[in-house]
Amino acid sequence: MMAQAVPGVEIARVTGLHPVQVSRIRQRYAHEGLAGLADRPRSGRPPTLTAQKTASIVALTLKAPGAGRTHWSTRDLAARVGVSHATVHRIWQAQGLKPHQEGTFKFSRDPQLEAKVADVAGLYLNPPEHAVVLSADEKTQIQALNRTQPLLPLRPGLPARRTHDYVRHGLTSLYAALRVATGEVIGECTARHTGADFLRFLKQMARRFAGRELHVIVDNSSTHSTPAVEAWVAAHPRVRLHFTPTGASWLNLIEVWFSILTRKSVRRGSFDSVAALVRHIRKFLDSWNAHPKPFVWTKTAAEVLPKVRPAHVNMTSRTGH
């Protein structure tokens, strides 16, 4: 544009540069020709973090630090490699590394994994016509905890607060069954957690849905497969138990409801007796069943299996103890 005698102000407008920058470029070209258009050395210290240094920081991050530590902090690693902790933090961000976080996992080693996943997922997606599908389990050892001082309620700018210490007043176990089609939950609190208690609850479900084919999804708790339970189920063919794979009780939808119960009802409560705790749980059950919401299962067995048994995991290996 300069060669075409376009004014410097117009060049600045078109290119987005400042007129002073356009003038400087014109002067550099006039004095030095094309060589004057090359980038000039910039002020400040040149960067010292090489690609090799970055790679070594990443490699160290992926290894245990030793010296009795389980994972690196930015400052520990910075002191080890001789850079600032901010530099380590930037590298971790760029590489998606988060040593301060950890997750949990458990892959099922059930030899009947595929069959059980297909069975349970099939009940969720395509339940038998005119049958009732229940997701059942027990939430054991729910503690009636009473805080040592009264709770401080929510205030503007302040969260609700409670003392860290408490007095235990006993335990209860909640047997619950989620009706998959409607979201209704049937629950009963008991003082014990035995096979006899589960069988009594199972009989209660059978009476509640008398004359209907009943499919009950349960996990592999020993109380669900006692000889008495197996004998009763064998004598009542309209009631069938469907077991989730070992180590995969998350496949049971009642676990979702137990999580909601814990977060919304039990965890932040304060109870001076087991009876008070049981009444509290009963109120939550009644409130839930006034407007039940079913949990919609969307994954087929073919979509679930690759996540619970990844191809890269050797399922025949065993952990030594």
Protein backbone atom coordinates (compact mmCIF):
# COMPACT_ATOMS: atom_id res chain seq x y z
CA MET A 1 0.00 0.00 0.00
CA MET A 2 2.93 2.31 0.60
CA ALA A 3 4.18 1.59 -2.91
CA GLN A 4 0.73 2.61 -4.17
CA ALA A 5 1.00 5.94 -2.24
CA VAL A 6 -1.79 5.07 0.20
CA PRO A 7 -1.65 7.53 3.14
CA GLY A 8 -0.25 6.15 6.42
CA VAL A 9 -3.48 6.93 8.30
CA GLU A 10 -5.50 4.89 5.81
CA ILE A 11 -3.00 2.00 5.99
CA ALA A 12 -3.35 2.05 9.79
CA ARG A 13 -7.14 1.93 9.50
CA VAL A 14 -7.12 -0.98 7.06
CA THR A 15 -4.48 -3.07 8.86
CA GLY A 16 -5.53 -2.30 12.42
CA LEU A 17 -2.14 -0.85 13.30
CA HIS A 18 -1.44 2.48 14.95
CA PRO A 19 -0.27 5.27 12.61
CA VAL A 20 2.98 5.45 14.60
CA GLN A 21 3.62 1.78 13.84
CA VAL A 22 3.03 2.38 10.14
CA SER A 23 5.46 5.30 10.23
CA ARG A 24 8.10 3.19 12.00
CA ILE A 25 7.80 0.42 9.41
CA ARG A 26 8.14 2.99 6.60
CA GLN A 27 11.32 4.43 8.16
CA ARG A 28 12.88 0.99 8.75
CA TYR A 29 12.32 0.05 5.14
CA ALA A 30 13.66 3.36 3.89
CA HIS A 31 16.92 2.94 5.83
CA GLU A 32 17.50 -0.83 5.68
CA GLY A 33 15.35 -2.24 2.90
CA LEU A 34 13.76 -5.68 3.37
CA ALA A 35 16.20 -6.52 6.18
CA GLY A 36 14.67 -3.73 8.25
CA LEU A 37 11.30 -5.53 8.32
CA ALA A 38 12.61 -8.53 10.31
CA ASP A 39 11.54 -8.82 13.95
CA ARG A 40 13.84 -6.99 16.35
CA PRO A 41 15.12 -8.49 19.63
CA ARG A 42 12.64 -7.81 22.39
CA SER A 43 13.39 -6.48 25.84
CA GLY A 44 13.41 -8.71 28.91
CA ARG A 45 14.99 -12.05 29.71
CA PRO A 46 14.62 -14.70 26.99
CA PRO A 47 12.52 -17.75 27.94
CA THR A 48 14.50 -20.46 29.74
CA LEU A 49 11.86 -23.23 29.76
CA THR A 50 12.77 -25.55 26.93
CA ALA A 51 10.65 -28.34 25.51
CA GLN A 52 12.98 -30.85 27.14
CA LYS A 53 12.53 -29.19 30.53
CA THR A 54 8.76 -29.23 30.12
CA ALA A 55 8.84 -32.92 29.20
CA SER A 56 10.94 -33.75 32.28
CA ILE A 57 8.47 -31.90 34.55
CA VAL A 58 5.57 -33.84 33.04
CA ALA A 59 7.45 -37.13 33.43
CA LEU A 60 8.24 -36.40 37.09
CA THR A 61 4.62 -35.46 37.75
CA LEU A 62 3.50 -38.89 36.57
CA LYS A 63 5.82 -40.62 39.07
CA ALA A 64 5.49 -40.84 42.84
CA PRO A 65 7.71 -38.23 44.53
CA GLY A 66 9.05 -40.61 47.15
CA ALA A 67 10.23 -39.46 50.58
CA GLY A 68 6.98 -40.66 52.11
CA ARG A 69 4.81 -38.51 49.82
CA THR A 70 2.03 -39.88 47.64
CA HIS A 71 1.76 -37.06 45.08
CA TRP A 72 3.44 -33.84 44.00
CA SER A 73 2.47 -30.30 44.91
CA THR A 74 3.49 -27.41 42.65
CA ARG A 75 6.00 -26.16 45.22
CA ASP A 76 7.54 -29.58 45.88
CA LEU A 77 8.07 -30.19 42.18
CA ALA A 78 9.28 -26.64 41.55
CA ALA A 79 11.95 -27.04 44.24
CA ARG A 80 13.00 -30.35 42.67
CA VAL A 81 13.45 -29.06 39.12
CA GLY A 82 14.51 -25.46 39.84
CA VAL A 83 11.61 -23.47 38.40
CA SER A 84 8.85 -21.40 39.97
CA HIS A 85 5.70 -23.09 41.26
CA ALA A 86 3.71 -20.87 38.87
CA THR A 87 5.61 -22.44 35.96
CA VAL A 88 4.75 -25.93 37.21
CA HIS A 89 1.12 -24.87 37.57
CA ARG A 90 1.01 -23.58 33.98
CA ILE A 91 2.49 -26.83 32.66
CA TRP A 92 -0.01 -28.90 34.63
CA GLN A 93 -2.87 -26.82 33.30
CA ALA A 94 -1.65 -27.17 29.71
CA GLN A 95 -1.23 -30.95 30.10
CA GLY A 96 -4.45 -31.52 32.06
CA LEU A 97 -2.54 -32.88 35.08
CA LYS A 98 -4.19 -32.68 38.53
CA PRO A 99 -2.07 -34.55 41.09
CA HIS A 100 -4.12 -33.11 43.97
CA GLN A 101 -7.21 -34.95 42.77
CA GLU A 102 -8.00 -38.64 42.79
CA GLY A 103 -10.96 -40.77 41.85
CA THR A 104 -12.16 -44.24 42.67
CA PHE A 105 -13.02 -47.18 40.45
CA LYS A 106 -13.95 -50.82 40.65
CA PHE A 107 -14.19 -53.20 37.73
CA SER A 108 -16.49 -56.16 38.24
CA ARG A 109 -14.86 -59.57 38.08
CA ASP A 110 -18.20 -61.39 37.97
CA PRO A 111 -17.95 -64.27 35.45
CA GLN A 112 -21.60 -63.62 34.57
CA LEU A 113 -21.09 -59.88 34.11
CA GLU A 114 -22.45 -59.66 30.55
CA ALA A 115 -25.53 -61.75 31.30
CA LYS A 116 -26.41 -59.83 34.47
CA VAL A 117 -25.92 -56.40 32.88
CA ALA A 118 -28.09 -57.45 29.94
CA ASP A 119 -30.73 -58.80 32.32
CA VAL A 120 -30.94 -55.67 34.49
CA ALA A 121 -30.64 -53.16 31.63
CA GLY A 122 -33.29 -55.12 29.73
CA LEU A 123 -35.69 -54.81 32.68
CA TYR A 124 -35.16 -51.04 32.73
CA LEU A 125 -35.54 -50.54 28.99
CA ASN A 126 -38.12 -53.22 28.12
CA PRO A 127 -39.95 -54.43 31.24
CA PRO A 128 -42.28 -57.40 30.82
CA GLU A 129 -45.82 -56.39 29.99
CA HIS A 130 -48.18 -56.10 33.01
CA ALA A 131 -45.27 -56.90 35.37
CA VAL A 132 -43.97 -54.78 38.24
CA VAL A 133 -40.23 -54.06 38.29
CA LEU A 134 -38.75 -53.06 41.65
CA SER A 135 -35.24 -51.91 42.45
CA ALA A 136 -34.68 -52.96 46.07
CA ASP A 137 -31.92 -52.75 48.64
CA GLU A 138 -31.27 -51.78 52.24
CA LYS A 139 -29.45 -48.72 53.56
CA THR A 140 -27.88 -50.05 56.71
CA GLN A 141 -26.60 -48.41 59.89
CA ILE A 142 -28.24 -45.03 59.50
CA GLN A 143 -27.11 -43.26 62.65
CA ALA A 144 -29.35 -41.16 64.88
CA LEU A 145 -26.82 -38.42 65.62
CA ASN A 146 -27.65 -35.54 67.92
CA ARG A 147 -25.37 -32.50 67.79
CA THR A 148 -23.98 -31.39 71.13
CA GLN A 149 -25.27 -27.85 70.60
CA PRO A 150 -28.29 -26.46 68.72
CA LEU A 151 -27.89 -25.98 64.98
CA LEU A 152 -27.30 -22.42 63.80
CA PRO A 153 -29.76 -21.69 60.98
CA LEU A 154 -29.06 -20.15 57.60
CA ARG A 155 -28.51 -16.38 57.63
CA PRO A 156 -27.74 -13.85 54.87
CA GLY A 157 -24.04 -14.21 54.24
CA LEU A 158 -23.71 -17.24 56.54
CA PRO A 159 -24.41 -20.92 55.82
CA ALA A 160 -26.24 -23.15 58.26
CA ARG A 161 -23.79 -24.44 60.85
CA ARG A 162 -23.51 -27.38 63.20
CA THR A 163 -21.02 -28.62 65.75
CA HIS A 164 -18.45 -31.16 64.62
CA ASP A 165 -19.13 -33.43 67.61
CA TYR A 166 -22.26 -35.42 68.29
CA VAL A 167 -23.91 -38.02 70.51
CA ARG A 168 -24.96 -41.36 69.03
CA HIS A 169 -28.44 -42.56 69.92
CA GLY A 170 -28.51 -45.79 67.92
CA LEU A 171 -28.96 -47.14 64.40
CA THR A 172 -31.69 -48.11 62.01
CA SER A 173 -31.71 -49.86 58.65
CA LEU A 174 -33.99 -48.82 55.82
CA TYR A 175 -35.35 -51.44 53.43
CA ALA A 176 -36.61 -49.70 50.31
CA ALA A 177 -37.97 -50.68 46.90
CA LEU A 178 -38.20 -48.25 43.99
CA ARG A 179 -40.98 -48.94 41.52
CA VAL A 180 -39.05 -48.32 38.31
CA ALA A 181 -42.07 -47.35 36.18
CA THR A 182 -43.44 -44.67 38.52
CA GLY A 183 -40.64 -43.62 40.87
CA GLU A 184 -42.70 -44.55 43.95
CA VAL A 185 -40.59 -45.80 46.86
CA ILE A 186 -41.83 -48.29 49.45
CA GLY A 187 -39.74 -48.22 52.61
CA GLU A 188 -39.58 -49.81 56.04
CA CYS A 189 -37.11 -49.11 58.86
CA THR A 190 -35.92 -52.06 60.94
CA ALA A 191 -33.67 -52.45 63.95
CA ARG A 192 -31.69 -55.26 62.32
CA HIS A 193 -30.21 -56.20 58.97
CA THR A 194 -30.66 -59.93 58.41
CA GLY A 195 -31.89 -62.34 55.79
CA ALA A 196 -35.10 -62.73 57.76
CA ASP A 197 -35.70 -58.98 57.61
CA PHE A 198 -35.17 -58.95 53.85
CA LEU A 199 -37.49 -61.92 53.41
CA ARG A 200 -40.20 -60.17 55.44
CA PHE A 201 -39.83 -57.08 53.25
CA LEU A 202 -39.95 -59.24 50.10
CA LYS A 203 -43.18 -60.86 51.29
CA GLN A 204 -44.60 -57.41 51.94
CA MET A 205 -43.87 -56.45 48.31
CA ALA A 206 -45.48 -59.66 47.10
CA ARG A 207 -48.66 -58.89 49.06
CA ARG A 208 -48.68 -55.27 47.89
CA PHE A 209 -48.59 -56.39 44.24
CA ALA A 210 -50.66 -59.54 44.63
CA GLY A 211 -51.53 -61.26 41.38
CA ARG A 212 -48.82 -59.39 39.44
CA GLU A 213 -45.59 -60.77 38.07
CA LEU A 214 -42.87 -59.22 40.25
CA HIS A 215 -39.26 -58.65 39.18
CA VAL A 216 -36.98 -57.44 41.98
CA ILE A 217 -33.49 -56.13 41.21
CA VAL A 218 -31.06 -56.62 44.11
CA ASP A 219 -27.32 -56.60 44.69
CA ASN A 220 -25.17 -59.45 45.95
CA SER A 221 -25.57 -58.88 49.69
CA SER A 222 -25.55 -62.17 51.59
CA THR A 223 -28.97 -61.33 53.06
CA HIS A 224 -30.50 -61.53 49.56
CA SER A 225 -29.51 -65.14 48.95
CA THR A 226 -30.00 -66.97 52.24
CA PRO A 227 -31.48 -70.49 52.03
CA ALA A 228 -34.79 -69.17 53.40
CA VAL A 229 -34.97 -66.47 50.72
CA GLU A 230 -34.07 -68.92 47.95
CA ALA A 231 -36.66 -71.42 49.17
CA TRP A 232 -39.41 -68.82 49.34
CA VAL A 233 -38.63 -67.47 45.86
CA ALA A 234 -38.61 -71.03 44.47
CA ALA A 235 -42.07 -71.57 45.99
CA HIS A 236 -43.43 -68.34 44.47
CA PRO A 237 -42.56 -68.40 40.76
CA ARG A 238 -44.30 -65.09 40.06
CA VAL A 239 -41.54 -63.37 42.10
CA ARG A 240 -38.11 -63.30 40.48
CA LEU A 241 -34.88 -61.86 41.84
CA HIS A 242 -32.43 -60.30 39.39
CA PHE A 243 -28.92 -59.83 40.74
CA THR A 244 -26.56 -57.05 39.68
CA PRO A 245 -22.95 -58.12 38.99
CA THR A 246 -20.62 -58.24 41.97
CA GLY A 247 -18.99 -54.88 42.53
CA ALA A 248 -21.65 -53.15 40.43
CA SER A 249 -24.46 -52.25 42.82
CA TRP A 250 -24.54 -48.83 41.08
CA LEU A 251 -26.57 -50.66 38.44
CA ASN A 252 -29.41 -50.78 40.97
CA LEU A 253 -31.49 -47.59 40.64
CA ILE A 254 -32.49 -47.58 44.32
CA GLU A 255 -28.91 -46.46 45.02
CA VAL A 256 -29.72 -43.17 43.28
CA TRP A 257 -32.64 -42.65 45.63
CA PHE A 258 -30.52 -43.54 48.68
CA SER A 259 -28.08 -40.82 47.62
CA ILE A 260 -30.93 -38.30 47.46
CA LEU A 261 -32.15 -39.41 50.89
CA THR A 262 -28.69 -38.95 52.37
CA ARG A 263 -28.12 -35.49 50.88
CA LYS A 264 -31.58 -34.04 51.41
CA SER A 265 -32.80 -35.69 54.59
CA VAL A 266 -30.31 -37.51 56.81
CA ARG A 267 -26.84 -36.01 56.58
CA ARG A 268 -27.65 -32.57 58.01
CA GLY A 269 -30.24 -33.75 60.51
CA SER A 270 -29.96 -33.91 64.29
CA PHE A 271 -31.96 -36.64 66.09
CA ASP A 272 -32.30 -37.29 69.81
CA SER A 273 -33.52 -40.87 69.31
CA VAL A 274 -33.86 -43.62 66.74
CA ALA A 275 -37.61 -43.09 66.78
CA ALA A 276 -37.11 -39.44 65.79
CA LEU A 277 -34.84 -40.54 62.93
CA VAL A 278 -37.39 -43.09 61.72
CA ARG A 279 -40.18 -40.48 61.79
CA HIS A 280 -37.95 -38.10 59.82
CA ILE A 281 -37.27 -40.73 57.14
CA ARG A 282 -40.98 -41.58 56.98
CA LYS A 283 -41.84 -37.92 56.34
CA PHE A 284 -39.31 -37.80 53.52
CA LEU A 285 -40.80 -40.97 52.02
CA ASP A 286 -44.31 -39.53 52.19
CA SER A 287 -43.14 -36.27 50.62
CA TRP A 288 -41.35 -38.14 47.82
CA ASN A 289 -44.33 -40.36 47.06
CA ALA A 290 -46.66 -37.37 46.90
CA HIS A 291 -44.87 -36.37 43.68
CA PRO A 292 -42.71 -39.36 42.62
CA LYS A 293 -40.30 -39.05 39.73
CA PRO A 294 -38.99 -42.14 37.96
CA PHE A 295 -35.32 -42.38 37.07
CA VAL A 296 -35.08 -42.95 33.32
CA TRP A 297 -32.47 -45.52 32.30
CA THR A 298 -31.20 -44.90 28.76
CA LYS A 299 -28.14 -47.13 28.25
CA THR A 300 -28.27 -50.54 26.62
CA ALA A 301 -26.09 -53.40 27.85
CA ALA A 302 -23.85 -52.93 24.81
CA GLU A 303 -23.22 -49.32 25.88
CA VAL A 304 -22.65 -50.17 29.54
CA LEU A 305 -20.27 -53.11 29.21
CA PRO A 306 -17.29 -51.27 27.65
CA LYS A 307 -17.32 -48.90 30.62
CA VAL A 308 -17.44 -51.53 33.33
CA ARG A 309 -14.94 -53.85 31.68
CA PRO A 310 -12.58 -51.79 29.46
CA ALA A 311 -10.62 -53.72 26.88
CA HIS A 312 -7.27 -52.47 28.22
CA VAL A 313 -7.90 -53.90 31.73
CA ASN A 314 -6.73 -57.46 32.35
CA MET A 315 -9.68 -58.85 34.25
CA THR A 316 -7.88 -62.12 35.02
CA SER A 317 -5.27 -60.39 37.17
CA ARG A 318 -5.64 -60.37 40.94
CA THR A 319 -4.40 -57.84 43.45
CA GLY A 320 -2.09 -59.28 46.06
CA HIS A 321 -2.66 -58.51 49.74
